[in-house]
PDB file of all heavy atoms in Angstrom:
ATOM      1  N   LEU A   1      -4.000  -3.036  21.662  1.00  0.00           N
ATOM      2  CA  LEU A   1      -4.077  -3.713  20.304  1.00  0.00           C
ATOM      3  C   LEU A   1      -4.774  -2.761  19.405  1.00  0.00           C
ATOM      4  O   LEU A   1      -4.325  -2.641  18.214  1.00  0.00           O
ATOM      5  CB  LEU A   1      -4.831  -5.019  20.564  1.00  0.00           C
ATOM      6  CG  LEU A   1      -4.891  -5.793  19.154  1.00  0.00           C
ATOM      7  CD1 LEU A   1      -3.498  -6.126  18.603  1.00  0.00           C
ATOM      8  CD2 LEU A   1      -5.686  -7.174  19.391  1.00  0.00           C
ATOM      9  N   GLU A   2      -5.909  -2.211  19.799  1.00  0.00           N
ATOM     10  CA  GLU A   2      -6.623  -1.294  18.896  1.00  0.00           C
ATOM     11  C   GLU A   2      -5.819  -0.086  18.437  1.00  0.00           C
ATOM     12  O   GLU A   2      -5.730   0.350  17.350  1.00  0.00           O
ATOM     13  CB  GLU A   2      -7.908  -0.863  19.506  1.00  0.00           C
ATOM     14  CG  GLU A   2      -8.792  -0.022  18.740  1.00  0.00           C
ATOM     15  CD  GLU A   2      -9.369  -0.584  17.452  1.00  0.00           C
ATOM     16  OE1 GLU A   2      -9.130  -1.815  17.237  1.00  0.00           O
ATOM     17  OE2 GLU A   2      -9.910   0.141  16.603  1.00  0.00           O
ATOM     18  N   ARG A   3      -5.032   0.487  19.491  1.00  0.00           N
ATOM     19  CA  ARG A   3      -4.259   1.575  19.228  1.00  0.00           C
ATOM     20  C   ARG A   3      -3.219   1.245  18.180  1.00  0.00           C
ATOM     21  O   ARG A   3      -3.017   2.096  17.261  1.00  0.00           O
ATOM     22  CB  ARG A   3      -3.636   2.000  20.512  1.00  0.00           C
ATOM     23  CG  ARG A   3      -2.805   3.303  20.342  1.00  0.00           C
ATOM     24  CD  ARG A   3      -2.015   3.653  21.591  1.00  0.00           C
ATOM     25  NE  ARG A   3      -1.438   4.997  21.534  1.00  0.00           N
ATOM     26  CZ  ARG A   3      -0.424   5.366  20.854  1.00  0.00           C
ATOM     27  NH1 ARG A   3       0.244   4.514  20.013  1.00  0.00           N
ATOM     28  NH2 ARG A   3       0.088   6.581  20.908  1.00  0.00           N
ATOM     29  N   SER A   4      -2.533   0.074  18.262  1.00  0.00           N
ATOM     30  CA  SER A   4      -1.554  -0.317  17.308  1.00  0.00           C
ATOM     31  C   SER A   4      -2.195  -0.545  15.957  1.00  0.00           C
ATOM     32  O   SER A   4      -1.388  -0.165  15.054  1.00  0.00           O
ATOM     33  CB  SER A   4      -0.890  -1.643  17.867  1.00  0.00           C
ATOM     34  OG  SER A   4      -0.359  -1.485  19.120  1.00  0.00           O
ATOM     35  N   ARG A   5      -3.246  -1.040  15.863  1.00  0.00           N
ATOM     36  CA  ARG A   5      -3.937  -1.194  14.558  1.00  0.00           C
ATOM     37  C   ARG A   5      -4.293  -0.024  13.900  1.00  0.00           C
ATOM     38  O   ARG A   5      -4.001   0.234  12.725  1.00  0.00           O
ATOM     39  CB  ARG A   5      -5.066  -2.194  14.605  1.00  0.00           C
ATOM     40  CG  ARG A   5      -4.869  -3.631  14.955  1.00  0.00           C
ATOM     41  CD  ARG A   5      -6.131  -4.523  14.881  1.00  0.00           C
ATOM     42  NE  ARG A   5      -6.819  -4.323  13.673  1.00  0.00           N
ATOM     43  CZ  ARG A   5      -6.447  -4.977  12.501  1.00  0.00           C
ATOM     44  NH1 ARG A   5      -5.463  -5.847  12.621  1.00  0.00           N
ATOM     45  NH2 ARG A   5      -7.154  -4.979  11.482  1.00  0.00           N
ATOM     46  N   ILE A   6      -4.760   0.870  14.663  1.00  0.00           N
ATOM     47  CA  ILE A   6      -5.067   2.291  14.155  1.00  0.00           C
ATOM     48  C   ILE A   6      -3.890   3.033  13.606  1.00  0.00           C
ATOM     49  O   ILE A   6      -3.703   3.594  12.473  1.00  0.00           O
ATOM     50  CB  ILE A   6      -6.002   3.231  15.125  1.00  0.00           C
ATOM     51  CG1 ILE A   6      -7.329   2.430  15.488  1.00  0.00           C
ATOM     52  CG2 ILE A   6      -6.163   4.574  14.587  1.00  0.00           C
ATOM     53  CD1 ILE A   6      -8.002   3.163  16.609  1.00  0.00           C
ATOM     54  N   PHE A   7      -2.874   2.884  14.504  1.00  0.00           N
ATOM     55  CA  PHE A   7      -1.574   3.550  14.170  1.00  0.00           C
ATOM     56  C   PHE A   7      -1.037   3.072  12.694  1.00  0.00           C
ATOM     57  O   PHE A   7      -0.657   3.817  11.851  1.00  0.00           O
ATOM     58  CB  PHE A   7      -0.469   3.387  15.191  1.00  0.00           C
ATOM     59  CG  PHE A   7       0.805   4.066  14.819  1.00  0.00           C
ATOM     60  CD1 PHE A   7       1.158   5.325  15.320  1.00  0.00           C
ATOM     61  CD2 PHE A   7       1.782   3.393  14.001  1.00  0.00           C
ATOM     62  CE1 PHE A   7       2.334   5.866  15.034  1.00  0.00           C
ATOM     63  CE2 PHE A   7       2.963   4.065  13.701  1.00  0.00           C
ATOM     64  CZ  PHE A   7       3.308   5.210  14.165  1.00  0.00           C
ATOM     65  N   PHE A   8      -1.062   1.706  12.590  1.00  0.00           N
ATOM     66  CA  PHE A   8      -0.587   1.165  11.346  1.00  0.00           C
ATOM     67  C   PHE A   8      -1.421   1.649  10.219  1.00  0.00           C
ATOM     68  O   PHE A   8      -0.984   1.943   9.113  1.00  0.00           O
ATOM     69  CB  PHE A   8      -0.404  -0.327  11.459  1.00  0.00           C
ATOM     70  CG  PHE A   8       0.206  -1.020  10.236  1.00  0.00           C
ATOM     71  CD1 PHE A   8       1.597  -1.318  10.457  1.00  0.00           C
ATOM     72  CD2 PHE A   8      -0.389  -1.179   9.077  1.00  0.00           C
ATOM     73  CE1 PHE A   8       2.307  -1.801   9.327  1.00  0.00           C
ATOM     74  CE2 PHE A   8       0.317  -1.652   7.943  1.00  0.00           C
ATOM     75  CZ  PHE A   8       1.648  -2.087   8.108  1.00  0.00           C
ATOM     76  N   ARG A   9      -2.829   1.659  10.280  1.00  0.00           N
ATOM     77  CA  ARG A   9      -3.644   2.100   9.267  1.00  0.00           C
ATOM     78  C   ARG A   9      -3.460   3.492   8.900  1.00  0.00           C
ATOM     79  O   ARG A   9      -3.460   3.814   7.670  1.00  0.00           O
ATOM     80  CB  ARG A   9      -5.157   1.847   9.675  1.00  0.00           C
ATOM     81  CG  ARG A   9      -5.528   0.456   9.767  1.00  0.00           C
ATOM     82  CD  ARG A   9      -7.091   0.264   9.602  1.00  0.00           C
ATOM     83  NE  ARG A   9      -7.843   1.097  10.435  1.00  0.00           N
ATOM     84  CZ  ARG A   9      -8.333   0.922  11.633  1.00  0.00           C
ATOM     85  NH1 ARG A   9      -8.006  -0.222  12.259  1.00  0.00           N
ATOM     86  NH2 ARG A   9      -8.994   1.861  12.424  1.00  0.00           N
ATOM     87  N   TRP A  10      -3.207   4.296   9.917  1.00  0.00           N
ATOM     88  CA  TRP A  10      -2.852   5.735   9.486  1.00  0.00           C
ATOM     89  C   TRP A  10      -1.448   5.884   8.910  1.00  0.00           C
ATOM     90  O   TRP A  10      -1.389   6.736   8.007  1.00  0.00           O
ATOM     91  CB  TRP A  10      -2.904   6.554  10.866  1.00  0.00           C
ATOM     92  CG  TRP A  10      -4.214   6.809  11.366  1.00  0.00           C
ATOM     93  CD1 TRP A  10      -5.415   6.216  10.896  1.00  0.00           C
ATOM     94  CD2 TRP A  10      -4.573   7.520  12.553  1.00  0.00           C
ATOM     95  NE1 TRP A  10      -6.527   6.604  11.671  1.00  0.00           N
ATOM     96  CE2 TRP A  10      -5.981   7.407  12.777  1.00  0.00           C
ATOM     97  CE3 TRP A  10      -3.749   8.198  13.441  1.00  0.00           C
ATOM     98  CZ2 TRP A  10      -6.634   8.002  13.850  1.00  0.00           C
ATOM     99  CZ3 TRP A  10      -4.575   8.850  14.570  1.00  0.00           C
ATOM    100  CH2 TRP A  10      -5.908   8.685  14.793  1.00  0.00           C
ATOM    101  N   ALA A  11      -0.525   5.167   9.329  1.00  0.00           N
ATOM    102  CA  ALA A  11       0.890   5.312   8.891  1.00  0.00           C
ATOM    103  C   ALA A  11       1.084   4.754   7.568  1.00  0.00           C
ATOM    104  O   ALA A  11       1.865   5.251   6.717  1.00  0.00           O
ATOM    105  CB  ALA A  11       1.870   4.748   9.863  1.00  0.00           C
ATOM    106  N   TYR A  12       0.511   3.521   7.333  1.00  0.00           N
ATOM    107  CA  TYR A  12       0.643   2.892   6.068  1.00  0.00           C
ATOM    108  C   TYR A  12      -0.703   2.394   5.557  1.00  0.00           C
ATOM    109  O   TYR A  12      -1.006   1.126   5.507  1.00  0.00           O
ATOM    110  CB  TYR A  12       1.533   1.568   6.332  1.00  0.00           C
ATOM    111  CG  TYR A  12       2.865   2.052   6.789  1.00  0.00           C
ATOM    112  CD1 TYR A  12       3.149   1.901   8.230  1.00  0.00           C
ATOM    113  CD2 TYR A  12       3.993   2.481   6.035  1.00  0.00           C
ATOM    114  CE1 TYR A  12       4.343   2.312   8.781  1.00  0.00           C
ATOM    115  CE2 TYR A  12       5.102   2.769   6.642  1.00  0.00           C
ATOM    116  CZ  TYR A  12       5.366   2.682   7.913  1.00  0.00           C
ATOM    117  OH  TYR A  12       6.624   3.062   8.489  1.00  0.00           O
ATOM    118  N   PRO A  13      -1.541   3.352   5.039  1.00  0.00           N
ATOM    119  CA  PRO A  13      -2.852   2.967   4.668  1.00  0.00           C
ATOM    120  C   PRO A  13      -3.054   1.964   3.532  1.00  0.00           C
ATOM    121  O   PRO A  13      -3.895   1.065   3.493  1.00  0.00           O
ATOM    122  CB  PRO A  13      -3.465   4.285   4.188  1.00  0.00           C
ATOM    123  CG  PRO A  13      -2.275   5.165   4.040  1.00  0.00           C
ATOM    124  CD  PRO A  13      -1.207   4.736   4.946  1.00  0.00           C
ATOM    125  N   ARG A  14      -2.143   2.147   2.531  1.00  0.00           N
ATOM    126  CA  ARG A  14      -2.186   1.139   1.368  1.00  0.00           C
ATOM    127  C   ARG A  14      -1.815  -0.337   1.828  1.00  0.00           C
ATOM    128  O   ARG A  14      -2.471  -1.239   1.351  1.00  0.00           O
ATOM    129  CB  ARG A  14      -1.259   1.621   0.305  1.00  0.00           C
ATOM    130  CG  ARG A  14      -1.618   3.009  -0.345  1.00  0.00           C
ATOM    131  CD  ARG A  14      -0.749   3.330  -1.540  1.00  0.00           C
ATOM    132  NE  ARG A  14      -1.158   4.558  -2.096  1.00  0.00           N
ATOM    133  CZ  ARG A  14      -0.664   5.288  -3.153  1.00  0.00           C
ATOM    134  NH1 ARG A  14       0.512   4.729  -3.572  1.00  0.00           N
ATOM    135  NH2 ARG A  14      -0.981   6.460  -3.622  1.00  0.00           N
ATOM    136  N   ILE A  15      -0.725  -0.483   2.657  1.00  0.00           N
ATOM    137  CA  ILE A  15      -0.378  -1.815   3.086  1.00  0.00           C
ATOM    138  C   ILE A  15      -1.496  -2.412   3.956  1.00  0.00           C
ATOM    139  O   ILE A  15      -1.893  -3.557   3.892  1.00  0.00           O
ATOM    140  CB  ILE A  15       1.045  -1.668   3.901  1.00  0.00           C
ATOM    141  CG1 ILE A  15       2.067  -1.275   2.957  1.00  0.00           C
ATOM    142  CG2 ILE A  15       1.237  -3.161   4.465  1.00  0.00           C
ATOM    143  CD1 ILE A  15       3.449  -1.167   3.643  1.00  0.00           C
ATOM    144  N   ALA A  16      -2.154  -1.518   4.866  1.00  0.00           N
ATOM    145  CA  ALA A  16      -3.181  -1.972   5.661  1.00  0.00           C
ATOM    146  C   ALA A  16      -4.274  -2.497   4.795  1.00  0.00           C
ATOM    147  O   ALA A  16      -4.987  -3.413   5.256  1.00  0.00           O
ATOM    148  CB  ALA A  16      -3.528  -0.857   6.625  1.00  0.00           C
ATOM    149  N   GLU A  17      -4.678  -1.717   3.863  1.00  0.00           N
ATOM    150  CA  GLU A  17      -5.857  -2.080   2.941  1.00  0.00           C
ATOM    151  C   GLU A  17      -5.638  -3.507   2.360  1.00  0.00           C
ATOM    152  O   GLU A  17      -6.567  -4.419   2.319  1.00  0.00           O
ATOM    153  CB  GLU A  17      -6.077  -1.062   1.894  1.00  0.00           C
ATOM    154  CG  GLU A  17      -7.218  -1.422   0.974  1.00  0.00           C
ATOM    155  CD  GLU A  17      -7.473  -0.350  -0.098  1.00  0.00           C
ATOM    156  OE1 GLU A  17      -6.643   0.712  -0.043  1.00  0.00           O
ATOM    157  OE2 GLU A  17      -8.384  -0.460  -0.730  1.00  0.00           O
ATOM    158  N   VAL A  18      -4.367  -3.720   1.850  1.00  0.00           N
ATOM    159  CA  VAL A  18      -4.103  -5.031   1.257  1.00  0.00           C
ATOM    160  C   VAL A  18      -4.194  -6.102   2.295  1.00  0.00           C
ATOM    161  O   VAL A  18      -4.647  -7.248   2.155  1.00  0.00           O
ATOM    162  CB  VAL A  18      -2.666  -4.998   0.529  1.00  0.00           C
ATOM    163  CG1 VAL A  18      -2.421  -6.418   0.097  1.00  0.00           C
ATOM    164  CG2 VAL A  18      -2.684  -4.013  -0.624  1.00  0.00           C
ATOM    165  N   CYS A  19      -3.630  -5.844   3.461  1.00  0.00           N
ATOM    166  CA  CYS A  19      -3.586  -6.848   4.558  1.00  0.00           C
ATOM    167  C   CYS A  19      -5.059  -7.194   4.928  1.00  0.00           C
ATOM    168  O   CYS A  19      -5.381  -8.369   5.147  1.00  0.00           O
ATOM    169  CB  CYS A  19      -2.784  -6.342   5.754  1.00  0.00           C
ATOM    170  SG  CYS A  19      -0.963  -6.274   5.403  1.00  0.00           S
ATOM    171  N   ASP A  20      -5.847  -6.168   5.079  1.00  0.00           N
ATOM    172  CA  ASP A  20      -7.336  -6.422   5.439  1.00  0.00           C
ATOM    173  C   ASP A  20      -8.017  -7.196   4.401  1.00  0.00           C
ATOM    174  O   ASP A  20      -8.835  -8.143   4.804  1.00  0.00           O
ATOM    175  CB  ASP A  20      -7.923  -5.030   5.769  1.00  0.00           C
ATOM    176  CG  ASP A  20      -7.515  -4.328   6.928  1.00  0.00           C
ATOM    177  OD1 ASP A  20      -6.929  -4.965   7.809  1.00  0.00           O
ATOM    178  OD2 ASP A  20      -7.778  -3.108   6.961  1.00  0.00           O
ATOM    179  N   GLN A  21      -7.712  -6.899   3.109  1.00  0.00           N
ATOM    180  CA  GLN A  21      -8.435  -7.520   2.093  1.00  0.00           C
ATOM    181  C   GLN A  21      -8.035  -9.098   2.112  1.00  0.00           C
ATOM    182  O   GLN A  21      -8.895  -9.988   1.674  1.00  0.00           O
ATOM    183  CB  GLN A  21      -8.146  -6.992   0.726  1.00  0.00           C
ATOM    184  CG  GLN A  21      -8.730  -5.609   0.482  1.00  0.00           C
ATOM    185  CD  GLN A  21      -8.286  -4.964  -0.809  1.00  0.00           C
ATOM    186  OE1 GLN A  21      -7.449  -5.415  -1.423  1.00  0.00           O
ATOM    187  NE2 GLN A  21      -9.024  -3.871  -1.158  1.00  0.00           N
ATOM    188  N   ASN A  22      -6.832  -9.381   2.431  1.00  0.00           N
ATOM    189  CA  ASN A  22      -6.332 -10.769   2.385  1.00  0.00           C
ATOM    190  C   ASN A  22      -6.294 -11.477   3.742  1.00  0.00           C
ATOM    191  O   ASN A  22      -5.744 -12.500   3.897  1.00  0.00           O
ATOM    192  CB  ASN A  22      -4.946 -10.798   1.794  1.00  0.00           C
ATOM    193  CG  ASN A  22      -4.991 -10.377   0.325  1.00  0.00           C
ATOM    194  OD1 ASN A  22      -5.212 -11.176  -0.520  1.00  0.00           O
ATOM    195  ND2 ASN A  22      -4.577  -9.156   0.066  1.00  0.00           N
ATOM    196  N   GLY A  23      -6.880 -10.787   4.839  1.00  0.00           N
ATOM    197  CA  GLY A  23      -6.879 -11.422   6.134  1.00  0.00           C
ATOM    198  C   GLY A  23      -5.550 -11.707   6.659  1.00  0.00           C
ATOM    199  O   GLY A  23      -5.267 -12.557   7.594  1.00  0.00           O
ATOM    200  N   GLN A  24      -4.533 -10.716   6.345  1.00  0.00           N
ATOM    201  CA  GLN A  24      -3.136 -10.812   6.877  1.00  0.00           C
ATOM    202  C   GLN A  24      -2.937  -9.947   8.035  1.00  0.00           C
ATOM    203  O   GLN A  24      -3.480  -9.023   8.129  1.00  0.00           O
ATOM    204  CB  GLN A  24      -2.237 -10.499   5.668  1.00  0.00           C
ATOM    205  CG  GLN A  24      -2.203 -11.402   4.550  1.00  0.00           C
ATOM    206  CD  GLN A  24      -1.341 -10.964   3.382  1.00  0.00           C
ATOM    207  OE1 GLN A  24      -1.308  -9.708   3.012  1.00  0.00           O
ATOM    208  NE2 GLN A  24      -0.467 -11.829   2.955  1.00  0.00           N
ATOM    209  N   ALA A  25      -2.016 -10.346   8.846  1.00  0.00           N
ATOM    210  CA  ALA A  25      -1.585  -9.543   9.998  1.00  0.00           C
ATOM    211  C   ALA A  25      -0.786  -8.417   9.454  1.00  0.00           C
ATOM    212  O   ALA A  25      -0.133  -8.557   8.397  1.00  0.00           O
ATOM    213  CB  ALA A  25      -0.791 -10.293  11.031  1.00  0.00           C
ATOM    214  N   TYR A  26      -0.829  -7.248  10.088  1.00  0.00           N
ATOM    215  CA  TYR A  26      -0.050  -6.106   9.679  1.00  0.00           C
ATOM    216  C   TYR A  26       1.443  -6.425   9.877  1.00  0.00           C
ATOM    217  O   TYR A  26       1.811  -7.080  10.888  1.00  0.00           O
ATOM    218  CB  TYR A  26      -0.460  -4.785  10.470  1.00  0.00           C
ATOM    219  CG  TYR A  26      -1.801  -4.323  10.111  1.00  0.00           C
ATOM    220  CD1 TYR A  26      -2.522  -3.472  11.075  1.00  0.00           C
ATOM    221  CD2 TYR A  26      -2.483  -4.661   8.928  1.00  0.00           C
ATOM    222  CE1 TYR A  26      -3.679  -2.974  10.718  1.00  0.00           C
ATOM    223  CE2 TYR A  26      -3.717  -4.328   8.584  1.00  0.00           C
ATOM    224  CZ  TYR A  26      -4.419  -3.313   9.577  1.00  0.00           C
ATOM    225  OH  TYR A  26      -5.641  -2.838   9.329  1.00  0.00           O
ATOM    226  N   PRO A  27       2.392  -5.916   9.115  1.00  0.00           N
ATOM    227  CA  PRO A  27       3.785  -6.033   9.360  1.00  0.00           C
ATOM    228  C   PRO A  27       4.123  -5.373  10.617  1.00  0.00           C
ATOM    229  O   PRO A  27       3.522  -4.455  11.111  1.00  0.00           O
ATOM    230  CB  PRO A  27       4.374  -5.468   8.213  1.00  0.00           C
ATOM    231  CG  PRO A  27       3.433  -5.418   7.086  1.00  0.00           C
ATOM    232  CD  PRO A  27       2.114  -5.302   7.835  1.00  0.00           C
ATOM    233  N   LEU A  28       5.262  -5.882  11.293  1.00  0.00           N
ATOM    234  CA  LEU A  28       5.777  -5.347  12.531  1.00  0.00           C
ATOM    235  C   LEU A  28       6.538  -3.972  12.242  1.00  0.00           C
ATOM    236  O   LEU A  28       7.117  -3.766  11.196  1.00  0.00           O
ATOM    237  CB  LEU A  28       6.746  -6.187  13.141  1.00  0.00           C
ATOM    238  CG  LEU A  28       6.193  -7.546  13.626  1.00  0.00           C
ATOM    239  CD1 LEU A  28       7.239  -8.505  14.219  1.00  0.00           C
ATOM    240  CD2 LEU A  28       4.951  -7.414  14.587  1.00  0.00           C
ATOM    241  N   LEU A  29       6.400  -3.082  13.264  1.00  0.00           N
ATOM    242  CA  LEU A  29       6.993  -1.786  13.154  1.00  0.00           C
ATOM    243  C   LEU A  29       8.062  -1.616  14.295  1.00  0.00           C
ATOM    244  O   LEU A  29       7.919  -2.360  15.367  1.00  0.00           O
ATOM    245  CB  LEU A  29       6.013  -0.642  13.346  1.00  0.00           C
ATOM    246  CG  LEU A  29       4.855  -0.691  12.378  1.00  0.00           C
ATOM    247  CD1 LEU A  29       3.927   0.539  12.672  1.00  0.00           C
ATOM    248  CD2 LEU A  29       5.428  -0.405  10.930  1.00  0.00           C
ATOM    249  N   ASP A  30       9.060  -0.860  14.084  1.00  0.00           N
ATOM    250  CA  ASP A  30      10.127  -0.679  15.135  1.00  0.00           C
ATOM    251  C   ASP A  30       9.602   0.453  16.102  1.00  0.00           C
ATOM    252  O   ASP A  30       8.463   0.992  15.934  1.00  0.00           O
ATOM    253  CB  ASP A  30      11.494  -0.368  14.481  1.00  0.00           C
ATOM    254  CG  ASP A  30      11.471   0.922  13.739  1.00  0.00           C
ATOM    255  OD1 ASP A  30      10.604   1.797  13.853  1.00  0.00           O
ATOM    256  OD2 ASP A  30      12.406   1.113  12.850  1.00  0.00           O
ATOM    257  N   ASP A  31      10.447   0.871  16.981  1.00  0.00           N
ATOM    258  CA  ASP A  31      10.071   1.859  18.078  1.00  0.00           C
ATOM    259  C   ASP A  31       9.806   3.219  17.584  1.00  0.00           C
ATOM    260  O   ASP A  31       9.366   4.096  18.318  1.00  0.00           O
ATOM    261  CB  ASP A  31      11.164   1.916  19.052  1.00  0.00           C
ATOM    262  CG  ASP A  31      11.193   0.574  19.999  1.00  0.00           C
ATOM    263  OD1 ASP A  31      10.223  -0.197  19.894  1.00  0.00           O
ATOM    264  OD2 ASP A  31      12.287   0.346  20.568  1.00  0.00           O
ATOM    265  N   ILE A  32      10.194   3.505  16.264  1.00  0.00           N
ATOM    266  CA  ILE A  32       9.935   4.837  15.730  1.00  0.00           C
ATOM    267  C   ILE A  32       9.002   4.805  14.549  1.00  0.00           C
ATOM    268  O   ILE A  32       8.949   5.613  13.768  1.00  0.00           O
ATOM    269  CB  ILE A  32      11.233   5.538  15.464  1.00  0.00           C
ATOM    270  CG1 ILE A  32      12.001   4.728  14.418  1.00  0.00           C
ATOM    271  CG2 ILE A  32      12.012   5.917  16.549  1.00  0.00           C
ATOM    272  CD1 ILE A  32      13.343   5.357  13.867  1.00  0.00           C
ATOM    273  N   GLY A  33       8.274   3.683  14.450  1.00  0.00           N
ATOM    274  CA  GLY A  33       7.149   3.556  13.403  1.00  0.00           C
ATOM    275  C   GLY A  33       7.537   3.176  12.014  1.00  0.00           C
ATOM    276  O   GLY A  33       6.699   3.299  11.131  1.00  0.00           O
ATOM    277  N   ASN A  34       8.799   2.700  11.865  1.00  0.00           N
ATOM    278  CA  ASN A  34       9.235   2.232  10.577  1.00  0.00           C
ATOM    279  C   ASN A  34       8.927   0.745  10.465  1.00  0.00           C
ATOM    280  O   ASN A  34       9.048   0.003  11.445  1.00  0.00           O
ATOM    281  CB  ASN A  34      10.740   2.564  10.291  1.00  0.00           C
ATOM    282  CG  ASN A  34      11.000   3.925  10.206  1.00  0.00           C
ATOM    283  OD1 ASN A  34      10.196   4.768   9.454  1.00  0.00           O
ATOM    284  ND2 ASN A  34      11.848   4.553  10.877  1.00  0.00           N
ATOM    285  N   LEU A  35       8.739   0.313   9.233  1.00  0.00           N
ATOM    286  CA  LEU A  35       8.607  -1.191   9.000  1.00  0.00           C
ATOM    287  C   LEU A  35       9.897  -1.834   9.393  1.00  0.00           C
ATOM    288  O   LEU A  35      11.075  -1.415   8.920  1.00  0.00           O
ATOM    289  CB  LEU A  35       8.329  -1.497   7.540  1.00  0.00           C
ATOM    290  CG  LEU A  35       6.885  -1.042   7.004  1.00  0.00           C
ATOM    291  CD1 LEU A  35       6.882  -1.057   5.416  1.00  0.00           C
ATOM    292  CD2 LEU A  35       5.781  -1.782   7.634  1.00  0.00           C
ATOM    293  N   ILE A  36       9.704  -2.900  10.024  1.00  0.00           N
ATOM    294  CA  ILE A  36      11.002  -3.661  10.477  1.00  0.00           C
ATOM    295  C   ILE A  36      11.733  -4.365   9.239  1.00  0.00           C
ATOM    296  O   ILE A  36      12.911  -4.374   9.117  1.00  0.00           O
ATOM    297  CB  ILE A  36      10.754  -4.711  11.554  1.00  0.00           C
ATOM    298  CG1 ILE A  36      10.404  -4.045  12.827  1.00  0.00           C
ATOM    299  CG2 ILE A  36      11.939  -5.664  11.871  1.00  0.00           C
ATOM    300  CD1 ILE A  36      10.042  -4.857  14.006  1.00  0.00           C
ATOM    301  N   GLU A  37      10.861  -4.924   8.363  1.00  0.00           N
ATOM    302  CA  GLU A  37      11.355  -5.510   7.135  1.00  0.00           C
ATOM    303  C   GLU A  37      10.573  -4.945   5.869  1.00  0.00           C
ATOM    304  O   GLU A  37       9.416  -4.519   6.094  1.00  0.00           O
ATOM    305  CB  GLU A  37      11.121  -6.994   7.204  1.00  0.00           C
ATOM    306  CG  GLU A  37      11.846  -7.713   8.302  1.00  0.00           C
ATOM    307  CD  GLU A  37      11.582  -9.260   8.305  1.00  0.00           C
ATOM    308  OE1 GLU A  37      10.869  -9.727   7.378  1.00  0.00           O
ATOM    309  OE2 GLU A  37      12.246  -9.905   9.115  1.00  0.00           O
ATOM    310  N   PRO A  38      11.309  -4.774   4.754  1.00  0.00           N
ATOM    311  CA  PRO A  38      10.736  -4.260   3.574  1.00  0.00           C
ATOM    312  C   PRO A  38       9.342  -5.073   3.309  1.00  0.00           C
ATOM    313  O   PRO A  38       9.473  -6.467   3.500  1.00  0.00           O
ATOM    314  CB  PRO A  38      11.793  -4.529   2.430  1.00  0.00           C
ATOM    315  CG  PRO A  38      13.130  -4.534   3.235  1.00  0.00           C
ATOM    316  CD  PRO A  38      12.792  -5.160   4.460  1.00  0.00           C
ATOM    317  N   TRP A  39       8.351  -4.529   2.867  1.00  0.00           N
ATOM    318  CA  TRP A  39       7.103  -5.188   2.611  1.00  0.00           C
ATOM    319  C   TRP A  39       6.723  -5.280   1.126  1.00  0.00           C
ATOM    320  O   TRP A  39       6.804  -4.194   0.452  1.00  0.00           O
ATOM    321  CB  TRP A  39       6.010  -4.617   3.381  1.00  0.00           C
ATOM    322  CG  TRP A  39       4.582  -5.327   3.213  1.00  0.00           C
ATOM    323  CD1 TRP A  39       4.211  -6.329   4.058  1.00  0.00           C
ATOM    324  CD2 TRP A  39       3.614  -5.102   2.287  1.00  0.00           C
ATOM    325  NE1 TRP A  39       2.981  -6.742   3.736  1.00  0.00           N
ATOM    326  CE2 TRP A  39       2.618  -5.983   2.616  1.00  0.00           C
ATOM    327  CE3 TRP A  39       3.399  -4.228   1.233  1.00  0.00           C
ATOM    328  CZ2 TRP A  39       1.306  -6.069   1.887  1.00  0.00           C
ATOM    329  CZ3 TRP A  39       2.355  -4.286   0.484  1.00  0.00           C
ATOM    330  CH2 TRP A  39       1.168  -5.266   0.816  1.00  0.00           C
TER     331      TRP A  39
END
């Protein structure tokens, strides 16, 4: 779980910052690190 959270913060820092500020879960990623749905 920690690895997944760090990966997302590194890959999408701006989205992660907004999610953290609003207490939201990070969007899901596919098997090659892309957002599954537009955010």
